[in-house]
Protein backbone atom coordinates (compact mmCIF):
# COMPACT_ATOMS: atom_id res chain seq x y z
CA MET A 1 -8.77 -20.74 -1.48
CA ASN A 2 -10.88 -17.47 -0.21
CA ALA A 3 -9.04 -17.18 3.21
CA MET A 4 -7.40 -13.58 3.71
CA ARG A 5 -8.15 -12.23 0.61
CA LEU A 6 -8.16 -8.05 0.30
CA GLU A 7 -9.75 -6.95 -2.70
CA GLY A 8 -11.35 -3.57 -2.33
CA ARG A 9 -8.63 -2.49 0.19
CA THR A 10 -6.22 -0.20 0.46
CA ALA A 11 -3.37 -0.55 2.48
CA LEU A 12 -0.10 1.82 3.27
CA VAL A 13 3.20 -0.06 3.76
CA THR A 14 5.49 2.45 5.12
CA GLY A 15 10.01 1.22 4.74
CA ALA A 16 8.36 -0.14 1.46
CA SER A 17 11.28 -0.07 -0.49
CA GLN A 18 13.44 -3.15 0.47
CA GLY A 19 13.32 -5.93 3.26
CA ILE A 20 10.17 -6.87 5.37
CA GLY A 21 8.28 -3.60 4.46
CA GLU A 22 8.51 -4.79 0.39
CA ALA A 23 7.77 -8.47 1.34
CA ILE A 24 4.52 -7.26 2.64
CA VAL A 25 3.57 -5.07 -0.20
CA ARG A 26 3.98 -7.91 -2.23
CA LEU A 27 1.80 -10.29 -0.17
CA LEU A 28 -0.92 -8.03 0.35
CA GLY A 29 -1.01 -6.63 -3.25
CA ALA A 30 -1.24 -10.52 -4.22
CA ARG A 31 -4.34 -10.73 -1.75
CA GLY A 32 -6.21 -8.78 -3.75
CA ALA A 33 -5.11 -4.94 -2.13
CA ARG A 34 -4.30 -1.90 -3.65
CA VAL A 35 -1.07 -0.45 -2.14
CA VAL A 36 0.57 2.46 -1.18
CA ALA A 37 4.38 1.92 -0.87
CA ALA A 38 6.10 4.53 1.28
CA ALA A 39 9.39 4.98 1.81
CA ARG A 40 12.14 7.64 1.27
CA SER A 41 13.93 5.75 -1.76
CA LEU A 42 11.34 6.37 -4.71
CA ASP A 43 13.22 5.15 -7.42
CA LYS A 44 13.37 1.48 -5.29
CA LEU A 45 9.22 1.82 -5.29
CA GLN A 46 8.69 3.20 -9.08
CA SER A 47 10.90 -0.29 -9.93
CA LEU A 48 8.68 -2.59 -7.53
CA ALA A 49 5.52 -1.08 -9.09
CA THR A 50 6.49 -0.86 -12.41
CA GLU A 51 7.32 -4.92 -11.56
CA LEU A 52 3.97 -5.75 -10.20
CA ALA A 53 1.79 -3.40 -12.37
CA GLU A 54 2.46 -6.73 -14.64
CA GLN A 55 1.44 -9.09 -12.24
CA GLY A 56 -1.66 -6.97 -12.33
CA VAL A 57 -1.16 -5.41 -8.57
CA GLU A 58 -2.16 -1.81 -8.05
CA VAL A 59 0.89 -0.35 -6.06
CA HIS A 60 1.41 3.77 -5.79
CA PRO A 61 4.92 4.51 -5.05
CA LEU A 62 5.02 7.50 -2.53
CA GLU A 63 7.90 9.75 -1.17
CA LEU A 64 7.77 10.06 2.76
CA ASP A 65 10.56 10.64 5.04
CA LEU A 66 9.26 9.97 8.08
CA ALA A 67 12.09 11.84 9.70
CA ARG A 68 10.02 14.38 9.38
CA PRO A 69 7.01 13.35 10.63
CA ASP A 70 5.04 16.69 10.39
CA THR A 71 5.07 16.77 7.12
CA VAL A 72 3.52 13.16 6.93
CA ALA A 73 -0.73 14.16 7.17
CA GLU A 74 0.16 16.88 3.77
CA ARG A 75 1.71 13.95 1.92
CA LEU A 76 -0.95 11.35 2.57
CA LYS A 77 -3.65 13.89 1.53
CA GLY A 78 -1.94 14.42 -1.91
CA LEU A 79 -2.88 10.31 -3.02
CA PRO A 80 -4.65 10.13 -5.90
CA GLU A 81 -7.74 8.06 -6.09
CA PRO A 82 -8.36 5.09 -5.22
CA PHE A 83 -5.43 4.95 -3.29
CA SER A 84 -6.45 8.05 -0.87
CA LYS A 85 -8.86 5.76 1.63
CA VAL A 86 -6.27 3.99 3.23
CA ASP A 87 -7.93 0.94 5.00
CA ILE A 88 -4.73 -0.41 6.29
CA LEU A 89 -2.09 0.91 7.88
CA VAL A 90 1.21 -1.02 8.25
CA ASN A 91 3.99 1.03 10.14
CA ASN A 92 7.06 -0.43 8.93
CA ALA A 93 9.48 2.16 8.74
CA GLY A 94 12.52 1.94 10.78
CA ILE A 95 15.96 2.84 11.65
CA THR A 96 18.98 1.84 13.61
CA LYS A 97 21.31 4.17 15.23
CA ASP A 98 22.92 1.86 17.58
CA GLY A 99 25.75 2.31 20.75
CA LEU A 100 26.18 1.66 24.28
CA LEU A 101 24.45 4.38 26.55
CA ALA A 102 27.60 6.00 27.79
CA ARG A 103 28.19 6.61 23.99
CA MET A 104 24.86 7.31 22.77
CA SER A 105 24.41 11.01 21.51
CA LEU A 106 21.23 12.78 22.41
CA GLU A 107 20.73 12.92 18.46
CA ALA A 108 20.77 9.42 18.04
CA TRP A 109 18.24 8.70 20.61
CA GLU A 110 16.13 11.28 19.04
CA ASP A 111 16.54 10.38 15.69
CA VAL A 112 15.73 6.83 15.99
CA LEU A 113 12.48 7.99 18.21
CA ARG A 114 11.29 10.26 15.50
CA VAL A 115 11.26 7.90 13.00
CA ASN A 116 10.50 4.45 14.44
CA LEU A 117 7.73 6.22 16.98
CA THR A 118 6.88 9.46 15.99
CA GLY A 119 6.16 8.90 12.17
CA ALA A 120 4.15 5.76 13.27
CA PHE A 121 2.05 8.31 15.71
CA ALA A 122 2.04 10.88 12.82
CA THR A 123 0.99 8.00 10.08
CA ALA A 124 -1.83 6.61 12.51
CA ARG A 125 -3.30 10.13 13.19
CA ALA A 126 -3.19 10.62 9.57
CA VAL A 127 -5.27 7.82 8.23
CA SER A 128 -7.28 6.73 11.34
CA ARG A 129 -10.16 9.60 10.73
CA GLY A 130 -10.97 7.90 7.29
CA MET A 131 -11.17 4.54 8.89
CA MET A 132 -13.55 6.06 12.01
CA ARG A 133 -15.76 7.75 9.11
CA ARG A 134 -15.89 4.68 7.24
CA ARG A 135 -16.16 1.91 10.53
CA TRP A 136 -13.64 -0.26 9.11
CA GLY A 137 -9.49 -0.02 9.49
CA ARG A 138 -6.61 -2.23 10.20
CA ILE A 139 -3.52 -0.58 11.81
CA ILE A 140 -0.71 -2.69 12.25
CA SER A 141 3.06 -1.81 13.57
CA VAL A 142 6.54 -3.60 13.07
CA SER A 143 7.65 -3.58 16.65
CA SER A 144 10.64 -6.30 17.25
CA VAL A 145 11.35 -8.78 20.00
CA VAL A 146 14.12 -5.87 21.36
CA GLY A 147 10.94 -4.06 22.56
CA LEU A 148 10.35 -7.17 24.64
CA MET A 149 13.43 -8.40 25.99
CA GLY A 150 15.75 -5.67 25.42
CA ASN A 151 19.56 -5.81 23.39
CA ALA A 152 22.31 -4.31 24.72
CA GLY A 153 23.75 -1.32 22.74
CA GLN A 154 20.03 -0.51 21.43
CA ALA A 155 18.60 1.28 24.46
CA ASN A 156 17.08 3.79 21.61
CA TYR A 157 15.49 1.06 19.22
CA ALA A 158 14.25 -1.26 22.00
CA ALA A 159 12.97 2.20 23.68
CA ALA A 160 11.14 3.22 20.33
CA LYS A 161 10.06 -0.40 19.39
CA ALA A 162 8.46 -1.07 23.11
CA GLY A 163 6.64 2.67 22.56
CA LEU A 164 4.88 0.96 19.35
CA VAL A 165 3.44 -1.72 21.67
CA GLY A 166 2.11 0.89 24.26
CA PHE A 167 1.02 3.32 21.70
CA SER A 168 -1.21 0.70 19.58
CA LYS A 169 -2.59 -1.13 22.79
CA SER A 170 -4.08 2.77 23.69
CA LEU A 171 -5.00 3.05 19.89
CA ALA A 172 -6.78 -0.43 20.13
CA ARG A 173 -9.29 0.78 23.30
CA GLU A 174 -10.02 4.27 21.39
CA LEU A 175 -10.64 2.71 17.80
CA ALA A 176 -12.30 -0.54 19.14
CA GLY A 177 -15.92 0.59 18.75
CA ARG A 178 -15.21 1.78 15.30
CA ASN A 179 -14.62 -1.40 13.85
CA ILE A 180 -10.91 -0.75 13.89
CA THR A 181 -8.34 -3.31 15.23
CA VAL A 182 -5.03 -2.24 15.94
CA ASN A 183 -2.13 -4.86 16.83
CA VAL A 184 1.71 -5.38 16.02
CA VAL A 185 3.97 -7.79 14.81
CA ALA A 186 7.03 -8.14 16.57
CA PRO A 187 9.73 -9.97 14.60
CA GLY A 188 13.13 -11.69 15.87
CA PHE A 189 16.05 -12.47 13.71
CA ILE A 190 14.95 -11.87 9.93
CA GLU A 191 16.99 -12.55 6.87
CA THR A 192 17.57 -9.05 5.38
CA ALA A 193 20.48 -7.20 4.35
CA MET A 194 21.05 -5.81 7.84
CA THR A 195 21.72 -9.64 9.00
CA ASP A 196 23.17 -10.59 5.85
CA ARG A 197 26.31 -8.15 7.63
CA ILE A 198 27.00 -10.59 10.80
CA PRO A 199 29.84 -12.57 10.36
CA GLU A 200 29.28 -16.53 9.72
CA LYS A 201 30.73 -17.43 13.52
CA HIS A 202 27.90 -15.01 15.39
CA ARG A 203 25.12 -16.28 12.89
CA GLU A 204 26.16 -19.82 14.11
CA GLU A 205 25.61 -18.12 17.69
CA LEU A 206 22.90 -16.25 16.91
CA VAL A 207 20.91 -19.92 15.13
CA ALA A 208 22.02 -21.53 18.09
CA VAL A 209 19.44 -19.73 20.52
CA ILE A 210 16.72 -19.72 18.64
CA PRO A 211 14.13 -22.70 19.24
CA LEU A 212 13.20 -23.06 15.37
CA HIS A 213 17.46 -23.06 14.52
CA ARG A 214 16.49 -20.60 11.64
CA LEU A 215 15.99 -16.97 11.32
CA GLY A 216 13.00 -15.84 9.70
CA SER A 217 12.33 -14.64 6.11
CA VAL A 218 10.59 -11.72 5.53
CA ASP A 219 7.96 -13.54 4.41
CA ASP A 220 7.39 -14.88 7.43
CA VAL A 221 6.79 -11.44 9.14
CA ALA A 222 4.88 -10.78 5.83
CA TRP A 223 2.06 -13.65 6.50
CA ALA A 224 1.81 -12.36 10.11
CA VAL A 225 0.76 -9.01 8.87
CA LEU A 226 -1.61 -10.17 5.99
CA TYR A 227 -3.64 -12.45 9.07
CA LEU A 228 -3.84 -9.25 11.04
CA ALA A 229 -5.21 -7.08 8.22
CA SER A 230 -7.85 -9.52 7.20
CA GLU A 231 -10.98 -9.99 7.99
CA GLU A 232 -10.28 -13.57 9.53
CA ALA A 233 -8.80 -11.32 12.78
CA SER A 234 -11.64 -9.02 12.79
CA TYR A 235 -11.73 -10.29 16.75
CA VAL A 236 -8.40 -9.86 17.71
CA THR A 237 -7.09 -6.25 18.36
CA GLY A 238 -4.50 -4.55 21.17
CA HIS A 239 -2.21 -8.00 20.44
CA VAL A 240 1.70 -8.37 20.11
CA LEU A 241 2.38 -11.29 17.59
CA ASN A 242 6.01 -12.35 18.10
CA VAL A 243 7.23 -13.93 15.05
CA SER A 244 11.24 -14.75 16.21
CA GLY A 245 11.05 -18.28 16.09
CA GLY A 246 10.47 -19.17 20.24
CA LEU A 247 13.78 -16.89 20.49
CA TYR A 248 11.22 -14.98 22.95
CA ILE A 249 9.07 -16.83 24.94
């Protein structure tokens, strides 16, 4: 089966050391892409790269701190060949600093916006120039249904994730003439280390309000990203793909 193959393409995935980001690296690599796996945890990235190299997947680990968006362009300039020409960008990195508005500090607000939104801006700006020259590109941002429906105690996170949607729709209009598509994946509640900490009673209540009656898997999100990265999605741009099991309809 040759559908959704990525041979000859180079992908950059942020937040790649665990969870959804790691799953995206694994799937894009399995489908033929070279992958720059970027995150703050270089040790985890190196272990992942070593493991995937044994499967014939080319992965370059890149230490990248999106809390310092002013450093992103310079870090990407240092990528070795053949990883330097990024065709597919997956903005996946994100943090949470939850709290009710009355108790949320300005620092907590700005830290989440800086990593989740400004970091995506800095990364997209850095790689889009090369995509425009080559007249091909995919920019995919991992938002959240929280950015579409809101969630008490997550005003900063929801604002950043909603911001990714507006940012991506604007970029889709800017870059379409250069054959670059820009889309968003909005996951619901996904089985990760973060959701593993939810008490069992609350997990059951949560699953009960999801029409498909289960939490999503990291692979559910990775397959959505793969589709948007592929040639098969060449006529899809400015779209928000909701991967939430029906939680947000």
